[in-house]
Amino acid sequence: MALQSMTGFARVEGTSGRTRWAWELRSVNGKGLDLRLRLPPGFEALETDVRRLAGETFSRGNMQVGLTVAVSEPQIEAVVNEGALAAVLALRDRLAGIVDPASPRLDTLLSVRGIVDFREAEESEAERGARDRDIRAGLEKALARLAGMRRGEGEALAGVLLGQVERIERLTAQVEADPSRSVAAIAERLAGQVAALLQGATALDRDRLHQEAALLATKADLREEVDRLKAHVVAARELIAGGGPVGRKLDFLAQEFNRESNTICSKSNAAAVTAAGIELKVVIDQFREQVQNLE
């Protein structure tokens, strides 16, 4: 399964009978799956389908889902008020001896208010059912397109993240191989510091100073930080290769990367190690910023 970005856009439109419809989906970063729907009046029942299908397809992202519907060519039908027509004809019969009993002409009937009403033809139940099925199929297609776009961006992000992990690995190796970390270099540096403290001083306990020097040497060692960084590099590569919704896990790893780089900078007693630690922090910040885009 590939990585997925949380940003994307999809639009699907179509027609069903006289109805023209269009789905428009937009997705950006989010801590969870947050859906905001804009459905036209009469289509509120689609909300259940939208939330179900989106939940089956995505796990994170702030999504805006909009549906527009328009009737392209309204059909007009004539509706005859049978009761009113019967009343007019009955009146003609009652007045047969007074007025012309001939049957009223169509134009005469049309001029009588309430006899004929012209209105937009209503869709039949079968037409409405076909329209709703087409609109639901369009929703599924739009969600699939959005997922495809998010996967495409996720694949591009995977390459960027792997490049950043490789830089973290190189900088970690640089810290590990720095000459200042060798036992001999640490011993020489501490010996000089102890000698400077002891010079001209008679009240200092030499044994205690050596014990403190040994403790400082232990605290200055970066072995644990380097080992943890190496382990995090392996874990990050496995998560990226495995794909799926791993954004939260990679974000946690980014925090761990940052913790180790901070410790390296605080323990560093050499300019080269400090410089590598600062560059590590820069790369890790870039890594974490990209991870925020992942599902």
Protein backbone atom coordinates (compact mmCIF):
# COMPACT_ATOMS: atom_id res chain seq x y z
CA MET A 1 0.00 0.00 0.00
CA ALA A 2 1.39 3.38 -1.02
CA LEU A 3 1.63 6.47 1.14
CA GLN A 4 -1.19 8.97 0.77
CA SER A 5 -1.03 12.72 1.05
CA MET A 6 -3.93 14.46 2.73
CA THR A 7 -4.22 17.14 0.05
CA GLY A 8 -6.16 16.64 -3.16
CA PHE A 9 -9.00 17.73 -5.40
CA ALA A 10 -11.56 15.89 -7.54
CA ARG A 11 -14.56 16.88 -9.63
CA VAL A 12 -17.04 14.57 -11.33
CA GLU A 13 -20.11 15.72 -13.22
CA GLY A 14 -22.84 14.08 -15.25
CA THR A 15 -26.46 14.09 -16.29
CA SER A 16 -29.40 11.89 -15.45
CA GLY A 17 -32.53 12.61 -17.46
CA ARG A 18 -33.11 16.35 -17.26
CA THR A 19 -30.91 16.72 -14.17
CA ARG A 20 -27.30 17.87 -14.37
CA TRP A 21 -25.17 17.27 -11.27
CA ALA A 22 -21.56 17.77 -10.17
CA TRP A 23 -19.53 16.57 -7.18
CA GLU A 24 -16.54 18.63 -6.03
CA LEU A 25 -14.18 17.32 -3.33
CA ARG A 26 -11.31 19.17 -1.67
CA SER A 27 -8.98 17.73 0.97
CA VAL A 28 -6.28 19.31 3.15
CA ASN A 29 -4.30 18.30 6.24
CA GLY A 30 -6.16 17.34 9.40
CA LYS A 31 -5.63 15.44 12.63
CA GLY A 32 -8.57 13.17 11.89
CA LEU A 33 -11.22 12.77 9.19
CA ASP A 34 -13.36 15.91 9.26
CA LEU A 35 -16.10 16.15 6.61
CA ARG A 36 -17.93 19.36 5.71
CA LEU A 37 -20.86 18.80 3.36
CA ARG A 38 -22.76 21.18 1.11
CA LEU A 39 -25.81 19.39 -0.27
CA PRO A 40 -28.72 21.11 -2.08
CA PRO A 41 -32.24 20.98 -0.64
CA GLY A 42 -33.87 17.63 -1.22
CA PHE A 43 -30.62 15.69 -1.24
CA GLU A 44 -29.89 15.64 2.50
CA ALA A 45 -30.36 11.86 2.58
CA LEU A 46 -27.05 11.52 0.69
CA GLU A 47 -25.12 12.64 3.78
CA THR A 48 -25.13 9.10 5.20
CA ASP A 49 -23.64 7.69 1.99
CA VAL A 50 -21.02 10.44 1.80
CA ARG A 51 -19.81 9.88 5.35
CA ARG A 52 -19.79 6.09 5.00
CA LEU A 53 -17.92 6.01 1.68
CA ALA A 54 -15.42 8.69 2.74
CA GLY A 55 -14.73 6.80 5.98
CA GLU A 56 -14.13 3.60 4.03
CA THR A 57 -11.65 5.36 1.72
CA PHE A 58 -9.78 7.80 4.00
CA SER A 59 -8.70 7.95 7.62
CA ARG A 60 -7.44 11.55 7.88
CA GLY A 61 -7.93 14.93 6.26
CA ASN A 62 -10.21 17.95 6.38
CA MET A 63 -12.55 17.40 3.44
CA GLN A 64 -15.10 19.65 1.79
CA VAL A 65 -17.73 17.73 -0.21
CA GLY A 66 -20.10 19.73 -2.37
CA LEU A 67 -22.93 18.69 -4.70
CA THR A 68 -24.62 21.00 -7.21
CA VAL A 69 -27.81 19.98 -9.01
CA ALA A 70 -29.69 21.79 -11.79
CA VAL A 71 -32.55 20.91 -14.11
CA SER A 72 -31.32 21.64 -17.61
CA GLU A 73 -34.64 21.75 -19.54
CA PRO A 74 -37.73 22.00 -17.36
CA GLN A 75 -40.84 20.43 -18.91
CA ILE A 76 -44.17 22.18 -18.55
CA GLU A 77 -47.40 20.22 -18.26
CA ALA A 78 -51.05 21.32 -18.27
CA VAL A 79 -53.10 20.19 -15.29
CA VAL A 80 -56.89 20.34 -15.65
CA ASN A 81 -58.93 21.10 -12.55
CA GLU A 82 -61.66 18.50 -13.18
CA GLY A 83 -63.93 19.89 -10.48
CA ALA A 84 -63.76 23.44 -11.83
CA LEU A 85 -64.35 22.22 -15.40
CA ALA A 86 -67.39 20.18 -14.29
CA ALA A 87 -68.76 23.23 -12.49
CA VAL A 88 -68.44 25.38 -15.63
CA LEU A 89 -70.16 22.76 -17.78
CA ALA A 90 -72.93 22.36 -15.21
CA LEU A 91 -73.45 26.11 -15.20
CA ARG A 92 -73.76 26.06 -19.00
CA ASP A 93 -76.49 23.41 -18.75
CA ARG A 94 -78.44 25.38 -16.14
CA LEU A 95 -78.32 28.49 -18.29
CA ALA A 96 -79.21 26.67 -21.51
CA GLY A 97 -82.42 28.65 -22.01
CA ILE A 98 -80.72 31.98 -21.38
CA VAL A 99 -77.33 31.75 -23.10
CA ASP A 100 -75.98 29.88 -26.10
CA PRO A 101 -75.83 26.22 -25.05
CA ALA A 102 -72.96 25.43 -27.44
CA SER A 103 -69.95 23.74 -25.94
CA PRO A 104 -67.35 26.28 -24.75
CA ARG A 105 -64.27 26.68 -26.93
CA LEU A 106 -60.82 25.73 -25.64
CA ASP A 107 -59.58 29.31 -25.64
CA THR A 108 -62.63 30.24 -23.57
CA LEU A 109 -61.87 27.52 -21.02
CA LEU A 110 -58.22 28.61 -20.88
CA SER A 111 -59.32 32.14 -20.05
CA VAL A 112 -61.33 30.94 -17.04
CA ARG A 113 -59.13 31.11 -13.97
CA GLY A 114 -58.59 27.80 -12.21
CA ILE A 115 -59.68 25.52 -15.06
CA VAL A 116 -56.15 24.80 -16.40
CA ASP A 117 -52.89 25.21 -14.47
CA PHE A 118 -49.48 25.09 -16.17
CA ARG A 119 -46.61 23.85 -14.03
CA GLU A 120 -43.24 22.11 -14.22
CA ALA A 121 -43.65 18.37 -14.75
CA GLU A 122 -42.62 16.30 -11.74
CA GLU A 123 -40.20 13.41 -12.09
CA SER A 124 -41.62 9.96 -11.73
CA GLU A 125 -40.44 7.70 -8.94
CA ALA A 126 -38.46 5.63 -11.45
CA GLU A 127 -36.76 8.78 -12.79
CA ARG A 128 -35.87 9.95 -9.29
CA GLY A 129 -34.46 6.52 -8.44
CA ALA A 130 -32.29 6.49 -11.58
CA ARG A 131 -31.10 10.04 -10.85
CA ASP A 132 -30.14 9.20 -7.26
CA ARG A 133 -28.26 6.08 -8.40
CA ASP A 134 -26.31 8.11 -10.95
CA ILE A 135 -25.43 10.76 -8.36
CA ARG A 136 -24.23 8.09 -5.89
CA ALA A 137 -22.12 6.48 -8.61
CA GLY A 138 -20.63 9.91 -9.32
CA LEU A 139 -19.75 10.27 -5.64
CA GLU A 140 -17.90 6.96 -5.68
CA LYS A 141 -16.01 8.02 -8.79
CA ALA A 142 -15.08 11.37 -7.23
CA LEU A 143 -13.80 9.68 -4.07
CA ALA A 144 -11.73 7.28 -6.18
CA ARG A 145 -10.22 10.19 -8.12
CA LEU A 146 -9.43 12.04 -4.91
CA ALA A 147 -7.77 8.92 -3.49
CA GLY A 148 -5.73 8.57 -6.69
CA MET A 149 -4.51 12.14 -6.46
CA ARG A 150 -3.63 11.71 -2.79
CA ARG A 151 -1.70 8.51 -3.61
CA GLY A 152 0.20 10.31 -6.37
CA GLU A 153 1.25 13.07 -4.00
CA GLY A 154 2.06 10.45 -1.36
CA GLU A 155 4.43 8.67 -3.74
CA ALA A 156 6.21 11.96 -4.44
CA LEU A 157 6.44 12.66 -0.70
CA ALA A 158 7.88 9.19 -0.10
CA GLY A 159 10.86 10.05 -2.31
CA VAL A 160 11.41 13.33 -0.46
CA LEU A 161 11.16 11.64 2.96
CA LEU A 162 13.56 8.86 2.01
CA GLY A 163 16.07 11.48 0.86
CA GLN A 164 15.77 13.27 4.20
CA VAL A 165 16.16 9.99 6.12
CA GLU A 166 19.32 9.32 4.12
CA ARG A 167 20.71 12.72 5.12
CA ILE A 168 19.89 11.98 8.76
CA GLU A 169 21.74 8.68 8.42
CA ARG A 170 24.81 10.38 6.89
CA LEU A 171 24.93 13.05 9.59
CA THR A 172 24.57 10.39 12.28
CA ALA A 173 27.52 8.52 10.78
CA GLN A 174 29.45 11.79 10.70
CA VAL A 175 28.84 12.32 14.41
CA GLU A 176 29.79 8.72 15.16
CA ALA A 177 33.04 8.93 13.22
CA ASP A 178 34.16 12.33 14.54
CA PRO A 179 37.67 12.05 16.11
CA SER A 180 36.54 14.01 19.16
CA ARG A 181 34.43 11.00 20.22
CA SER A 182 37.36 8.59 20.51
CA VAL A 183 38.31 7.39 23.99
CA ALA A 184 41.83 8.77 23.56
CA ALA A 185 40.56 12.23 22.58
CA ILE A 186 38.13 12.37 25.50
CA ALA A 187 40.83 11.20 27.92
CA GLU A 188 43.32 13.74 26.61
CA ARG A 189 40.85 16.59 26.87
CA LEU A 190 39.79 15.66 30.40
CA ALA A 191 43.40 15.15 31.48
CA GLY A 192 44.21 18.68 30.36
CA GLN A 193 41.22 20.07 32.23
CA VAL A 194 42.13 18.16 35.39
CA ALA A 195 45.76 19.30 35.13
CA ALA A 196 44.61 22.90 34.85
CA LEU A 197 42.50 22.53 37.98
CA LEU A 198 45.28 20.90 39.95
CA GLN A 199 47.93 23.41 38.97
CA GLY A 200 48.85 25.40 42.05
CA ALA A 201 45.99 23.88 44.04
CA THR A 202 46.67 21.85 47.18
CA ALA A 203 43.16 21.54 48.63
CA LEU A 204 41.71 19.52 45.76
CA ASP A 205 41.27 15.77 46.16
CA ARG A 206 43.02 14.14 43.19
CA ASP A 207 41.02 10.89 43.50
CA ARG A 208 37.73 12.76 43.62
CA LEU A 209 38.74 14.80 40.58
CA HIS A 210 39.51 11.66 38.64
CA GLN A 211 36.11 10.21 39.61
CA GLU A 212 34.35 13.37 38.43
CA ALA A 213 36.37 13.30 35.23
CA ALA A 214 35.28 9.72 34.58
CA LEU A 215 31.65 10.70 35.19
CA LEU A 216 31.95 13.62 32.79
CA ALA A 217 33.48 11.34 30.19
CA THR A 218 30.48 9.00 30.51
CA LYS A 219 28.00 11.86 30.15
CA ALA A 220 29.86 13.21 27.12
CA ASP A 221 29.62 9.88 25.29
CA LEU A 222 27.11 9.97 22.39
CA ARG A 223 26.91 6.21 21.85
CA GLU A 224 23.30 5.87 23.02
CA GLU A 225 22.08 8.83 20.95
CA VAL A 226 23.83 7.55 17.83
CA ASP A 227 22.38 4.04 18.32
CA ARG A 228 18.87 5.41 18.78
CA LEU A 229 19.18 7.58 15.68
CA LYS A 230 20.25 4.53 13.68
CA ALA A 231 17.25 2.56 14.99
CA HIS A 232 14.88 5.43 14.12
CA VAL A 233 16.31 5.56 10.59
CA VAL A 234 15.54 1.86 10.12
CA ALA A 235 12.01 2.30 11.52
CA ALA A 236 11.32 5.32 9.29
CA ARG A 237 12.37 3.43 6.16
CA GLU A 238 10.18 0.46 7.08
CA LEU A 239 7.15 2.70 7.65
CA ILE A 240 7.65 4.54 4.35
CA ALA A 241 8.12 1.27 2.46
CA GLY A 242 5.07 -0.29 4.12
CA GLY A 243 2.85 2.65 3.16
CA GLY A 244 -0.70 3.13 4.35
CA PRO A 245 -1.87 5.68 6.94
CA VAL A 246 1.47 6.00 8.79
CA GLY A 247 1.57 9.79 9.13
CA ARG A 248 1.10 9.75 12.91
CA LYS A 249 3.82 7.12 13.41
CA LEU A 250 6.28 9.06 11.27
CA ASP A 251 5.43 12.23 13.17
CA PHE A 252 6.29 10.43 16.42
CA LEU A 253 9.60 9.30 14.90
CA ALA A 254 10.31 12.89 13.87
CA GLN A 255 9.90 13.95 17.51
CA GLU A 256 12.32 11.20 18.57
CA PHE A 257 14.82 12.25 15.91
CA ASN A 258 14.62 15.79 17.25
CA ARG A 259 15.10 14.65 20.85
CA GLU A 260 18.33 12.82 20.00
CA SER A 261 19.69 15.71 17.93
CA ASN A 262 19.04 18.10 20.84
CA THR A 263 20.93 15.80 23.20
CA ILE A 264 23.86 15.54 20.77
CA CYS A 265 24.10 19.34 20.59
CA SER A 266 23.96 19.69 24.39
CA LYS A 267 26.62 17.00 24.96
CA SER A 268 28.89 18.05 22.13
CA ASN A 269 32.42 19.15 23.04
CA ALA A 270 33.64 19.60 19.48
CA ALA A 271 32.70 22.16 16.84
CA ALA A 272 32.30 19.52 14.13
CA VAL A 273 29.84 17.50 16.22
CA THR A 274 27.88 20.62 17.12
CA ALA A 275 27.68 21.60 13.44
CA ALA A 276 26.46 18.12 12.51
CA GLY A 277 23.91 18.24 15.33
CA ILE A 278 22.55 21.60 14.13
CA GLU A 279 22.30 20.33 10.56
CA LEU A 280 20.51 17.26 11.90
CA LYS A 281 17.92 19.53 13.54
CA VAL A 282 17.37 21.39 10.27
CA VAL A 283 16.84 18.18 8.27
CA ILE A 284 14.58 16.73 10.97
CA ASP A 285 12.43 19.88 10.95
CA GLN A 286 12.08 19.53 7.17
CA PHE A 287 11.22 15.84 7.59
CA ARG A 288 8.54 16.59 10.15
CA GLU A 289 7.04 19.36 8.02
CA GLN A 290 6.61 16.93 5.11
CA VAL A 291 5.20 14.24 7.39
CA GLN A 292 2.38 16.62 8.36
CA ASN A 293 1.02 16.17 4.82
CA LEU A 294 0.71 12.37 5.13
CA GLU A 295 -2.44 10.47 6.01
